[in-house]
PDB file of N, CA and C in Angstrom:
ATOM      1  N   MET A   1      22.798  28.416 -28.256  1.00  0.00           N
ATOM      2  CA  MET A   1      23.101  27.001 -28.343  1.00  0.00           C
ATOM      3  C   MET A   1      24.579  26.745 -28.055  1.00  0.00           C
ATOM      4  N   LEU A   2      25.409  27.694 -28.492  1.00  0.00           N
ATOM      5  CA  LEU A   2      26.842  27.560 -28.254  1.00  0.00           C
ATOM      6  C   LEU A   2      27.169  27.618 -26.764  1.00  0.00           C
ATOM      7  N   GLU A   3      26.450  28.499 -26.016  1.00  0.00           N
ATOM      8  CA  GLU A   3      26.695  28.611 -24.587  1.00  0.00           C
ATOM      9  C   GLU A   3      26.344  27.319 -23.860  1.00  0.00           C
ATOM     10  N   LEU A   4      25.234  26.695 -24.272  1.00  0.00           N
ATOM     11  CA  LEU A   4      24.809  25.446 -23.648  1.00  0.00           C
ATOM     12  C   LEU A   4      25.829  24.339 -23.898  1.00  0.00           C
ATOM     13  N   THR A   5      26.297  24.238 -25.120  1.00  0.00           N
ATOM     14  CA  THR A   5      27.295  23.230 -25.462  1.00  0.00           C
ATOM     15  C   THR A   5      28.593  23.486 -24.708  1.00  0.00           C
ATOM     16  N   LEU A   6      28.974  24.743 -24.637  1.00  0.00           N
ATOM     17  CA  LEU A   6      30.201  25.100 -23.932  1.00  0.00           C
ATOM     18  C   LEU A   6      30.095  24.804 -22.438  1.00  0.00           C
ATOM     19  N   SER A   7      28.940  25.088 -21.837  1.00  0.00           N
ATOM     20  CA  SER A   7      28.779  24.813 -20.406  1.00  0.00           C
ATOM     21  C   SER A   7      28.801  23.307 -20.132  1.00  0.00           C
ATOM     22  N   PHE A   8      28.153  22.503 -20.985  1.00  0.00           N
ATOM     23  CA  PHE A   8      28.209  21.055 -20.814  1.00  0.00           C
ATOM     24  C   PHE A   8      29.642  20.552 -20.946  1.00  0.00           C
ATOM     25  N   LEU A   9      30.373  21.096 -21.883  1.00  0.00           N
ATOM     26  CA  LEU A   9      31.756  20.690 -22.081  1.00  0.00           C
ATOM     27  C   LEU A   9      32.618  21.075 -20.881  1.00  0.00           C
ATOM     28  N   VAL A  10      32.476  22.285 -20.381  1.00  0.00           N
ATOM     29  CA  VAL A  10      33.274  22.747 -19.242  1.00  0.00           C
ATOM     30  C   VAL A  10      32.961  21.938 -17.995  1.00  0.00           C
ATOM     31  N   PHE A  11      31.679  21.742 -17.695  1.00  0.00           N
ATOM     32  CA  PHE A  11      31.326  21.013 -16.481  1.00  0.00           C
ATOM     33  C   PHE A  11      31.610  19.523 -16.600  1.00  0.00           C
ATOM     34  N   GLY A  12      31.491  18.967 -17.786  1.00  0.00           N
ATOM     35  CA  GLY A  12      31.878  17.572 -17.982  1.00  0.00           C
ATOM     36  C   GLY A  12      33.373  17.387 -17.786  1.00  0.00           C
ATOM     37  N   LEU A  13      34.157  18.315 -18.312  1.00  0.00           N
ATOM     38  CA  LEU A  13      35.602  18.272 -18.130  1.00  0.00           C
ATOM     39  C   LEU A  13      35.965  18.462 -16.655  1.00  0.00           C
ATOM     40  N   LEU A  14      35.288  19.368 -15.977  1.00  0.00           N
ATOM     41  CA  LEU A  14      35.533  19.585 -14.552  1.00  0.00           C
ATOM     42  C   LEU A  14      35.237  18.321 -13.743  1.00  0.00           C
ATOM     43  N   ALA A  15      34.144  17.638 -14.058  1.00  0.00           N
ATOM     44  CA  ALA A  15      33.809  16.397 -13.364  1.00  0.00           C
ATOM     45  C   ALA A  15      34.861  15.330 -13.621  1.00  0.00           C
ATOM     46  N   ALA A  16      35.318  15.220 -14.855  1.00  0.00           N
ATOM     47  CA  ALA A  16      36.342  14.228 -15.182  1.00  0.00           C
ATOM     48  C   ALA A  16      37.647  14.537 -14.454  1.00  0.00           C
ATOM     49  N   VAL A  17      38.041  15.804 -14.389  1.00  0.00           N
ATOM     50  CA  VAL A  17      39.267  16.192 -13.699  1.00  0.00           C
ATOM     51  C   VAL A  17      39.149  15.875 -12.204  1.00  0.00           C
ATOM     52  N   MET A  18      37.998  16.132 -11.601  1.00  0.00           N
ATOM     53  CA  MET A  18      37.823  15.850 -10.173  1.00  0.00           C
ATOM     54  C   MET A  18      37.896  14.350  -9.899  1.00  0.00           C
ATOM     55  N   ILE A  19      37.356  13.526 -10.774  1.00  0.00           N
ATOM     56  CA  ILE A  19      37.420  12.075 -10.593  1.00  0.00           C
ATOM     57  C   ILE A  19      38.849  11.580 -10.715  1.00  0.00           C
ATOM     58  N   VAL A  20      39.593  12.103 -11.692  1.00  0.00           N
ATOM     59  CA  VAL A  20      40.990  11.695 -11.876  1.00  0.00           C
ATOM     60  C   VAL A  20      41.833  12.128 -10.675  1.00  0.00           C
ATOM     61  N   ILE A  21      41.631  13.351 -10.188  1.00  0.00           N
ATOM     62  CA  ILE A  21      42.389  13.824  -9.030  1.00  0.00           C
ATOM     63  C   ILE A  21      42.070  12.975  -7.805  1.00  0.00           C
ATOM     64  N   ASN A  22      40.816  12.604  -7.631  1.00  0.00           N
ATOM     65  CA  ASN A  22      40.437  11.739  -6.517  1.00  0.00           C
ATOM     66  C   ASN A  22      41.120  10.383  -6.633  1.00  0.00           C
ATOM     67  N   TYR A  23      41.187   9.845  -7.825  1.00  0.00           N
ATOM     68  CA  TYR A  23      41.829   8.549  -8.030  1.00  0.00           C
ATOM     69  C   TYR A  23      43.327   8.634  -7.749  1.00  0.00           C
ATOM     70  N   LEU A  24      43.959   9.724  -8.165  1.00  0.00           N
ATOM     71  CA  LEU A  24      45.399   9.863  -7.991  1.00  0.00           C
ATOM     72  C   LEU A  24      45.791  10.182  -6.551  1.00  0.00           C
ATOM     73  N   LEU A  25      45.032  11.018  -5.875  1.00  0.00           N
ATOM     74  CA  LEU A  25      45.409  11.475  -4.548  1.00  0.00           C
ATOM     75  C   LEU A  25      44.718  10.738  -3.403  1.00  0.00           C
ATOM     76  N   GLY A  26      43.706   9.967  -3.700  1.00  0.00           N
ATOM     77  CA  GLY A  26      42.941   9.303  -2.658  1.00  0.00           C
ATOM     78  C   GLY A  26      43.689   8.151  -2.016  1.00  0.00           C
ATOM     79  N   PRO A  27      43.311   7.783  -0.779  1.00  0.00           N
ATOM     80  CA  PRO A  27      43.987   6.668  -0.105  1.00  0.00           C
ATOM     81  C   PRO A  27      43.656   5.347  -0.784  1.00  0.00           C
ATOM     82  N   ARG A  28      44.653   4.445  -0.777  1.00  0.00           N
ATOM     83  CA  ARG A  28      44.465   3.152  -1.433  1.00  0.00           C
ATOM     84  C   ARG A  28      44.598   1.983  -0.471  1.00  0.00           C
ATOM     85  N   LYS A  29      44.571   2.241   0.819  1.00  0.00           N
ATOM     86  CA  LYS A  29      44.727   1.168   1.801  1.00  0.00           C
ATOM     87  C   LYS A  29      43.368   0.510   2.044  1.00  0.00           C
ATOM     88  N   PRO A  30      43.215  -0.756   1.695  1.00  0.00           N
ATOM     89  CA  PRO A  30      41.931  -1.411   1.984  1.00  0.00           C
ATOM     90  C   PRO A  30      41.780  -1.626   3.489  1.00  0.00           C
ATOM     91  N   ASN A  31      40.569  -1.489   3.930  1.00  0.00           N
ATOM     92  CA  ASN A  31      40.276  -1.617   5.355  1.00  0.00           C
ATOM     93  C   ASN A  31      39.012  -2.477   5.481  1.00  0.00           C
ATOM     94  N   PRO A  32      39.004  -3.473   6.353  1.00  0.00           N
ATOM     95  CA  PRO A  32      37.801  -4.312   6.477  1.00  0.00           C
ATOM     96  C   PRO A  32      36.556  -3.521   6.886  1.00  0.00           C
ATOM     97  N   ALA A  33      36.747  -2.479   7.670  1.00  0.00           N
ATOM     98  CA  ALA A  33      35.592  -1.677   8.083  1.00  0.00           C
ATOM     99  C   ALA A  33      35.007  -0.913   6.898  1.00  0.00           C
ATOM    100  N   ARG A  34      35.843  -0.514   5.969  1.00  0.00           N
ATOM    101  CA  ARG A  34      35.353   0.216   4.787  1.00  0.00           C
ATOM    102  C   ARG A  34      34.648  -0.692   3.800  1.00  0.00           C
ATOM    103  N   GLU A  35      34.969  -1.968   3.840  1.00  0.00           N
ATOM    104  CA  GLU A  35      34.376  -2.912   2.892  1.00  0.00           C
ATOM    105  C   GLU A  35      32.972  -3.346   3.292  1.00  0.00           C
ATOM    106  N   LYS A  36      32.591  -3.109   4.559  1.00  0.00           N
ATOM    107  CA  LYS A  36      31.261  -3.497   5.019  1.00  0.00           C
ATOM    108  C   LYS A  36      30.211  -2.547   4.464  1.00  0.00           C
ATOM    109  N   PRO A  37      29.032  -3.059   4.162  1.00  0.00           N
ATOM    110  CA  PRO A  37      27.955  -2.153   3.722  1.00  0.00           C
ATOM    111  C   PRO A  37      27.493  -1.269   4.880  1.00  0.00           C
ATOM    112  N   PHE A  38      27.134  -0.049   4.558  1.00  0.00           N
ATOM    113  CA  PHE A  38      26.724   0.925   5.565  1.00  0.00           C
ATOM    114  C   PHE A  38      25.559   1.704   4.995  1.00  0.00           C
ATOM    115  N   GLU A  39      24.455   1.698   5.712  1.00  0.00           N
ATOM    116  CA  GLU A  39      23.272   2.344   5.155  1.00  0.00           C
ATOM    117  C   GLU A  39      22.488   3.046   6.246  1.00  0.00           C
ATOM    118  N   CYS A  40      22.079   4.249   5.990  1.00  0.00           N
ATOM    119  CA  CYS A  40      21.186   5.022   6.850  1.00  0.00           C
ATOM    120  C   CYS A  40      21.749   5.248   8.250  1.00  0.00           C
ATOM    121  N   GLY A  41      23.032   5.342   8.399  1.00  0.00           N
ATOM    122  CA  GLY A  41      23.615   5.680   9.676  1.00  0.00           C
ATOM    123  C   GLY A  41      23.713   4.557  10.681  1.00  0.00           C
ATOM    124  N   SER A  42      23.345   3.347  10.308  1.00  0.00           N
ATOM    125  CA  SER A  42      23.477   2.238  11.255  1.00  0.00           C
ATOM    126  C   SER A  42      24.074   1.036  10.521  1.00  0.00           C
ATOM    127  N   PRO A  43      24.963   0.315  11.190  1.00  0.00           N
ATOM    128  CA  PRO A  43      25.570  -0.864  10.561  1.00  0.00           C
ATOM    129  C   PRO A  43      24.519  -1.922  10.250  1.00  0.00           C
ATOM    130  N   PRO A  44      24.777  -2.769   9.270  1.00  0.00           N
ATOM    131  CA  PRO A  44      23.788  -3.804   8.930  1.00  0.00           C
ATOM    132  C   PRO A  44      23.665  -4.851  10.037  1.00  0.00           C
ATOM    133  N   LEU A  45      22.599  -5.598   9.998  1.00  0.00           N
ATOM    134  CA  LEU A  45      22.311  -6.669  10.949  1.00  0.00           C
ATOM    135  C   LEU A  45      22.244  -6.168  12.380  1.00  0.00           C
ATOM    136  N   GLN A  46      21.795  -4.969  12.524  1.00  0.00           N
ATOM    137  CA  GLN A  46      21.587  -4.402  13.846  1.00  0.00           C
ATOM    138  C   GLN A  46      20.086  -4.278  14.063  1.00  0.00           C
ATOM    139  N   ALA A  47      19.678  -4.145  15.301  1.00  0.00           N
ATOM    140  CA  ALA A  47      18.250  -4.071  15.605  1.00  0.00           C
ATOM    141  C   ALA A  47      17.605  -2.855  14.953  1.00  0.00           C
ATOM    142  N   GLY A  48      18.381  -1.837  14.669  1.00  0.00           N
ATOM    143  CA  GLY A  48      17.842  -0.656  14.022  1.00  0.00           C
ATOM    144  C   GLY A  48      17.590   0.468  14.996  1.00  0.00           C
ATOM    145  N   ILE A  49      17.066   1.519  14.484  1.00  0.00           N
ATOM    146  CA  ILE A  49      16.778   2.687  15.295  1.00  0.00           C
ATOM    147  C   ILE A  49      15.453   2.467  16.002  1.00  0.00           C
ATOM    148  N   GLY A  50      15.378   2.855  17.235  1.00  0.00           N
ATOM    149  CA  GLY A  50      14.164   2.673  18.020  1.00  0.00           C
ATOM    150  C   GLY A  50      13.014   3.520  17.492  1.00  0.00           C
ATOM    151  N   PRO A  51      11.814   3.260  17.961  1.00  0.00           N
ATOM    152  CA  PRO A  51      10.653   4.005  17.476  1.00  0.00           C
ATOM    153  C   PRO A  51      10.711   5.470  17.906  1.00  0.00           C
ATOM    154  N   VAL A  52      10.176   6.303  17.058  1.00  0.00           N
ATOM    155  CA  VAL A  52      10.123   7.733  17.337  1.00  0.00           C
ATOM    156  C   VAL A  52       8.754   8.042  17.938  1.00  0.00           C
ATOM    157  N   ASN A  53       8.736   8.928  18.901  1.00  0.00           N
ATOM    158  CA  ASN A  53       7.487   9.299  19.563  1.00  0.00           C
ATOM    159  C   ASN A  53       6.471   9.869  18.583  1.00  0.00           C
ATOM    160  N   ILE A  54       5.227   9.513  18.750  1.00  0.00           N
ATOM    161  CA  ILE A  54       4.157  10.027  17.907  1.00  0.00           C
ATOM    162  C   ILE A  54       3.980  11.536  18.071  1.00  0.00           C
ATOM    163  N   PRO A  55       4.118  12.125  19.276  1.00  0.00           N
ATOM    164  CA  PRO A  55       3.987  13.587  19.368  1.00  0.00           C
ATOM    165  C   PRO A  55       4.979  14.334  18.486  1.00  0.00           C
ATOM    166  N   PHE A  56       6.122  13.747  18.213  1.00  0.00           N
ATOM    167  CA  PHE A  56       7.071  14.388  17.310  1.00  0.00           C
ATOM    168  C   PHE A  56       6.443  14.570  15.935  1.00  0.00           C
ATOM    169  N   PHE A  57       5.782  13.549  15.430  1.00  0.00           N
ATOM    170  CA  PHE A  57       5.154  13.641  14.122  1.00  0.00           C
ATOM    171  C   PHE A  57       3.987  14.629  14.137  1.00  0.00           C
ATOM    172  N   LEU A  58       3.253  14.652  15.233  1.00  0.00           N
ATOM    173  CA  LEU A  58       2.132  15.581  15.320  1.00  0.00           C
ATOM    174  C   LEU A  58       2.606  17.029  15.320  1.00  0.00           C
ATOM    175  N   VAL A  59       3.686  17.297  16.040  1.00  0.00           N
ATOM    176  CA  VAL A  59       4.233  18.655  16.048  1.00  0.00           C
ATOM    177  C   VAL A  59       4.778  19.006  14.671  1.00  0.00           C
ATOM    178  N   ALA A  60       5.388  18.039  13.997  1.00  0.00           N
ATOM    179  CA  ALA A  60       5.896  18.288  12.649  1.00  0.00           C
ATOM    180  C   ALA A  60       4.757  18.621  11.691  1.00  0.00           C
ATOM    181  N   LEU A  61       3.643  17.916  11.806  1.00  0.00           N
ATOM    182  CA  LEU A  61       2.493  18.215  10.954  1.00  0.00           C
ATOM    183  C   LEU A  61       1.900  19.581  11.271  1.00  0.00           C
ATOM    184  N   LEU A  62       1.863  19.939  12.543  1.00  0.00           N
ATOM    185  CA  LEU A  62       1.372  21.254  12.926  1.00  0.00           C
ATOM    186  C   LEU A  62       2.290  22.346  12.379  1.00  0.00           C
ATOM    187  N   PHE A  63       3.590  22.121  12.451  1.00  0.00           N
ATOM    188  CA  PHE A  63       4.535  23.078  11.886  1.00  0.00           C
ATOM    189  C   PHE A  63       4.300  23.229  10.388  1.00  0.00           C
ATOM    190  N   LEU A  64       4.063  22.115   9.709  1.00  0.00           N
ATOM    191  CA  LEU A  64       3.796  22.169   8.274  1.00  0.00           C
ATOM    192  C   LEU A  64       2.548  22.980   7.994  1.00  0.00           C
ATOM    193  N   LEU A  65       1.528  22.795   8.807  1.00  0.00           N
ATOM    194  CA  LEU A  65       0.290  23.555   8.653  1.00  0.00           C
ATOM    195  C   LEU A  65       0.554  25.046   8.780  1.00  0.00           C
ATOM    196  N   LEU A  66       1.300  25.449   9.801  1.00  0.00           N
ATOM    197  CA  LEU A  66       1.571  26.868  10.003  1.00  0.00           C
ATOM    198  C   LEU A  66       2.554  27.410   8.972  1.00  0.00           C
ATOM    199  N   ASP A  67       3.461  26.595   8.509  1.00  0.00           N
ATOM    200  CA  ASP A  67       4.423  27.014   7.497  1.00  0.00           C
ATOM    201  C   ASP A  67       3.711  27.280   6.171  1.00  0.00           C
ATOM    202  N   VAL A  68       2.804  26.410   5.808  1.00  0.00           N
ATOM    203  CA  VAL A  68       2.041  26.609   4.574  1.00  0.00           C
ATOM    204  C   VAL A  68       1.160  27.841   4.692  1.00  0.00           C
ATOM    205  N   GLU A  69       0.666  28.083   5.878  1.00  0.00           N
ATOM    206  CA  GLU A  69      -0.152  29.275   6.106  1.00  0.00           C
ATOM    207  C   GLU A  69       0.634  30.541   5.765  1.00  0.00           C
ATOM    208  N   ILE A  70       1.830  30.655   6.259  1.00  0.00           N
ATOM    209  CA  ILE A  70       2.648  31.835   5.997  1.00  0.00           C
ATOM    210  C   ILE A  70       2.985  31.930   4.518  1.00  0.00           C
ATOM    211  N   ALA A  71       3.255  30.805   3.886  1.00  0.00           N
ATOM    212  CA  ALA A  71       3.606  30.813   2.464  1.00  0.00           C
ATOM    213  C   ALA A  71       2.451  31.320   1.600  1.00  0.00           C
ATOM    214  N   PHE A  72       1.218  31.099   2.022  1.00  0.00           N
ATOM    215  CA  PHE A  72       0.076  31.556   1.237  1.00  0.00           C
ATOM    216  C   PHE A  72      -0.433  32.936   1.644  1.00  0.00           C
ATOM    217  N   PHE A  73      -0.172  33.339   2.869  1.00  0.00           N
ATOM    218  CA  PHE A  73      -0.630  34.659   3.305  1.00  0.00           C
ATOM    219  C   PHE A  73       0.104  35.794   2.596  1.00  0.00           C
ATOM    220  N   TYR A  74       1.385  35.651   2.388  1.00  0.00           N
ATOM    221  CA  TYR A  74       2.173  36.743   1.817  1.00  0.00           C
ATOM    222  C   TYR A  74       1.703  37.127   0.410  1.00  0.00           C
ATOM    223  N   PRO A  75       1.587  36.190  -0.542  1.00  0.00           N
ATOM    224  CA  PRO A  75       1.114  36.603  -1.870  1.00  0.00           C
ATOM    225  C   PRO A  75      -0.327  37.116  -1.851  1.00  0.00           C
ATOM    226  N   LEU A  76      -1.136  36.548  -0.981  1.00  0.00           N
ATOM    227  CA  LEU A  76      -2.517  36.999  -0.901  1.00  0.00           C
ATOM    228  C   LEU A  76      -2.591  38.414  -0.340  1.00  0.00           C
ATOM    229  N   ALA A  77      -1.730  38.732   0.600  1.00  0.00           N
ATOM    230  CA  ALA A  77      -1.703  40.085   1.153  1.00  0.00           C
ATOM    231  C   ALA A  77      -1.213  41.092   0.118  1.00  0.00           C
ATOM    232  N   LEU A  78      -0.298  40.684  -0.748  1.00  0.00           N
ATOM    233  CA  LEU A  78       0.200  41.594  -1.776  1.00  0.00           C
ATOM    234  C   LEU A  78      -0.860  41.912  -2.825  1.00  0.00           C
ATOM    235  N   ALA A  79      -1.698  40.936  -3.149  1.00  0.00           N
ATOM    236  CA  ALA A  79      -2.698  41.126  -4.192  1.00  0.00           C
ATOM    237  C   ALA A  79      -4.091  41.346  -3.609  1.00  0.00           C
ATOM    238  N   PHE A  80      -4.185  41.740  -2.350  1.00  0.00           N
ATOM    239  CA  PHE A  80      -5.480  41.834  -1.688  1.00  0.00           C
ATOM    240  C   PHE A  80      -6.360  42.920  -2.299  1.00  0.00           C
ATOM    241  N   ARG A  81      -5.815  44.095  -2.579  1.00  0.00           N
ATOM    242  CA  ARG A  81      -6.627  45.202  -3.104  1.00  0.00           C
ATOM    243  C   ARG A  81      -7.141  44.926  -4.509  1.00  0.00           C
ATOM    244  N   ASP A  82      -6.364  44.212  -5.296  1.00  0.00           N
ATOM    245  CA  ASP A  82      -6.781  43.919  -6.667  1.00  0.00           C
ATOM    246  C   ASP A  82      -7.883  42.874  -6.731  1.00  0.00           C
ATOM    247  N   ARG A  83      -7.990  42.042  -5.735  1.00  0.00           N
ATOM    248  CA  ARG A  83      -8.947  40.922  -5.753  1.00  0.00           C
ATOM    249  C   ARG A  83     -10.347  41.308  -5.279  1.00  0.00           C
ATOM    250  N   GLY A  84     -10.466  42.309  -4.479  1.00  0.00           N
ATOM    251  CA  GLY A  84     -11.782  42.749  -4.018  1.00  0.00           C
ATOM    252  C   GLY A  84     -12.433  41.753  -3.085  1.00  0.00           C
ATOM    253  N   PHE A  85     -13.776  41.581  -3.254  1.00  0.00           N
ATOM    254  CA  PHE A  85     -14.529  40.699  -2.366  1.00  0.00           C
ATOM    255  C   PHE A  85     -14.143  39.238  -2.558  1.00  0.00           C
ATOM    256  N   GLY A  86     -13.797  38.850  -3.783  1.00  0.00           N
ATOM    257  CA  GLY A  86     -13.374  37.467  -4.034  1.00  0.00           C
ATOM    258  C   GLY A  86     -12.115  37.120  -3.258  1.00  0.00           C
ATOM    259  N   GLY A  87     -11.183  38.066  -3.189  1.00  0.00           N
ATOM    260  CA  GLY A  87      -9.973  37.853  -2.406  1.00  0.00           C
ATOM    261  C   GLY A  87     -10.269  37.744  -0.926  1.00  0.00           C
ATOM    262  N   LEU A  88     -11.205  38.567  -0.452  1.00  0.00           N
ATOM    263  CA  LEU A  88     -11.600  38.503   0.948  1.00  0.00           C
ATOM    264  C   LEU A  88     -12.267  37.168   1.270  1.00  0.00           C
ATOM    265  N   ALA A  89     -13.103  36.680   0.363  1.00  0.00           N
ATOM    266  CA  ALA A  89     -13.757  35.388   0.570  1.00  0.00           C
ATOM    267  C   ALA A  89     -12.732  34.253   0.569  1.00  0.00           C
ATOM    268  N   ALA A  90     -11.769  34.328  -0.340  1.00  0.00           N
ATOM    269  CA  ALA A  90     -10.723  33.297  -0.385  1.00  0.00           C
ATOM    270  C   ALA A  90      -9.890  33.326   0.892  1.00  0.00           C
ATOM    271  N   LEU A  91      -9.560  34.526   1.357  1.00  0.00           N
ATOM    272  CA  LEU A  91      -8.790  34.657   2.593  1.00  0.00           C
ATOM    273  C   LEU A  91      -9.584  34.125   3.781  1.00  0.00           C
ATOM    274  N   GLY A  92     -10.870  34.444   3.841  1.00  0.00           N
ATOM    275  CA  GLY A  92     -11.715  33.948   4.930  1.00  0.00           C
ATOM    276  C   GLY A  92     -11.826  32.430   4.917  1.00  0.00           C
ATOM    277  N   THR A  93     -11.988  31.845   3.737  1.00  0.00           N
ATOM    278  CA  THR A  93     -12.061  30.390   3.628  1.00  0.00           C
ATOM    279  C   THR A  93     -10.751  29.748   4.069  1.00  0.00           C
ATOM    280  N   PHE A  94      -9.660  30.354   3.637  1.00  0.00           N
ATOM    281  CA  PHE A  94      -8.340  29.829   3.998  1.00  0.00           C
ATOM    282  C   PHE A  94      -8.128  29.883   5.513  1.00  0.00           C
ATOM    283  N   ILE A  95      -8.475  30.992   6.128  1.00  0.00           N
ATOM    284  CA  ILE A  95      -8.318  31.133   7.576  1.00  0.00           C
ATOM    285  C   ILE A  95      -9.248  30.163   8.302  1.00  0.00           C
ATOM    286  N   LEU A  96     -10.451  29.940   7.782  1.00  0.00           N
ATOM    287  CA  LEU A  96     -11.377  28.996   8.394  1.00  0.00           C
ATOM    288  C   LEU A  96     -10.813  27.574   8.374  1.00  0.00           C
ATOM    289  N   VAL A  97     -10.251  27.162   7.246  1.00  0.00           N
ATOM    290  CA  VAL A  97      -9.669  25.817   7.149  1.00  0.00           C
ATOM    291  C   VAL A  97      -8.494  25.684   8.116  1.00  0.00           C
ATOM    292  N   LEU A  98      -7.664  26.706   8.202  1.00  0.00           N
ATOM    293  CA  LEU A  98      -6.540  26.664   9.132  1.00  0.00           C
ATOM    294  C   LEU A  98      -7.011  26.643  10.581  1.00  0.00           C
ATOM    295  N   ALA A  99      -8.040  27.404  10.881  1.00  0.00           N
ATOM    296  CA  ALA A  99      -8.576  27.423  12.241  1.00  0.00           C
ATOM    297  C   ALA A  99      -9.162  26.061  12.598  1.00  0.00           C
ATOM    298  N   LEU A 100      -9.838  25.422  11.659  1.00  0.00           N
ATOM    299  CA  LEU A 100     -10.367  24.079  11.920  1.00  0.00           C
ATOM    300  C   LEU A 100      -9.237  23.088  12.183  1.00  0.00           C
ATOM    301  N   GLY A 101      -8.153  23.191  11.429  1.00  0.00           N
ATOM    302  CA  GLY A 101      -6.993  22.333  11.676  1.00  0.00           C
ATOM    303  C   GLY A 101      -6.378  22.590  13.037  1.00  0.00           C
ATOM    304  N   PHE A 102      -6.328  23.858  13.438  1.00  0.00           N
ATOM    305  CA  PHE A 102      -5.777  24.216  14.739  1.00  0.00           C
ATOM    306  C   PHE A 102      -6.663  23.688  15.865  1.00  0.00           C
ATOM    307  N   VAL A 103      -7.973  23.821  15.725  1.00  0.00           N
ATOM    308  CA  VAL A 103      -8.901  23.313  16.742  1.00  0.00           C
ATOM    309  C   VAL A 103      -8.810  21.794  16.827  1.00  0.00           C
ATOM    310  N   TYR A 104      -8.698  21.123  15.687  1.00  0.00           N
ATOM    311  CA  TYR A 104      -8.551  19.671  15.676  1.00  0.00           C
ATOM    312  C   TYR A 104      -7.271  19.255  16.412  1.00  0.00           C
ATOM    313  N   ALA A 105      -6.174  19.972  16.151  1.00  0.00           N
ATOM    314  CA  ALA A 105      -4.913  19.665  16.828  1.00  0.00           C
ATOM    315  C   ALA A 105      -5.045  19.904  18.326  1.00  0.00           C
ATOM    316  N   TRP A 106      -5.743  20.949  18.699  1.00  0.00           N
ATOM    317  CA  TRP A 106      -5.942  21.255  20.123  1.00  0.00           C
ATOM    318  C   TRP A 106      -6.740  20.137  20.799  1.00  0.00           C
ATOM    319  N   LYS A 107      -7.817  19.688  20.127  1.00  0.00           N
ATOM    320  CA  LYS A 107      -8.658  18.636  20.697  1.00  0.00           C
ATOM    321  C   LYS A 107      -7.908  17.316  20.808  1.00  0.00           C
ATOM    322  N   LYS A 108      -6.984  17.049  19.879  1.00  0.00           N
ATOM    323  CA  LYS A 108      -6.207  15.815  19.917  1.00  0.00           C
ATOM    324  C   LYS A 108      -5.113  15.861  20.975  1.00  0.00           C
ATOM    325  N   GLY A 109      -4.830  17.039  21.539  1.00  0.00           N
ATOM    326  CA  GLY A 109      -3.862  17.151  22.609  1.00  0.00           C
ATOM    327  C   GLY A 109      -2.433  17.323  22.150  1.00  0.00           C
ATOM    328  N   ILE A 110      -2.237  17.886  20.997  1.00  0.00           N
ATOM    329  CA  ILE A 110      -0.880  18.079  20.501  1.00  0.00           C
ATOM    330  C   ILE A 110      -0.112  19.047  21.393  1.00  0.00           C
ATOM    331  N   PHE A 111      -0.780  19.985  21.984  1.00  0.00           N
ATOM    332  CA  PHE A 111      -0.098  21.026  22.749  1.00  0.00           C
ATOM    333  C   PHE A 111       0.201  20.615  24.191  1.00  0.00           C
ATOM    334  N   ARG A 112      -0.203  19.416  24.588  1.00  0.00           N
ATOM    335  CA  ARG A 112       0.134  18.910  25.913  1.00  0.00           C
ATOM    336  C   ARG A 112       1.502  18.235  25.832  1.00  0.00           C
ATOM    337  N   TRP A 113       2.475  18.769  26.547  1.00  0.00           N
ATOM    338  CA  TRP A 113       3.845  18.294  26.438  1.00  0.00           C
ATOM    339  C   TRP A 113       4.229  17.354  27.578  1.00  0.00           C
ATOM    340  N   SER A 114       3.326  16.551  28.019  1.00  0.00           N
ATOM    341  CA  SER A 114       3.671  15.637  29.120  1.00  0.00           C
ATOM    342  C   SER A 114       3.930  14.243  28.599  1.00  0.00           C
TER     343      SER A 114
END
């Protein structure tokens, strides 16, 4: 309990010191450009960012599918011998679901880069 209290005290003091140093050493010249609101990388009252291509999102979803596949294959491969037939059935089901997702992506034309 003492360590927790001490760490909160040290980091709270560190945060306070950093804020004071920023106040003392930071620039104090007001600038009209700094006073304007700025959000999400574009100035306000602008038309905004143009639309993003749909194939970008499809490729991102496909990447997510394959990324999750790798994340689940590794632990399953480590515990494969201990699981027996149940592990093999789970692995087969998992590969089947991934293959169906891959076939669906293929049929939708995600891999056509034109």
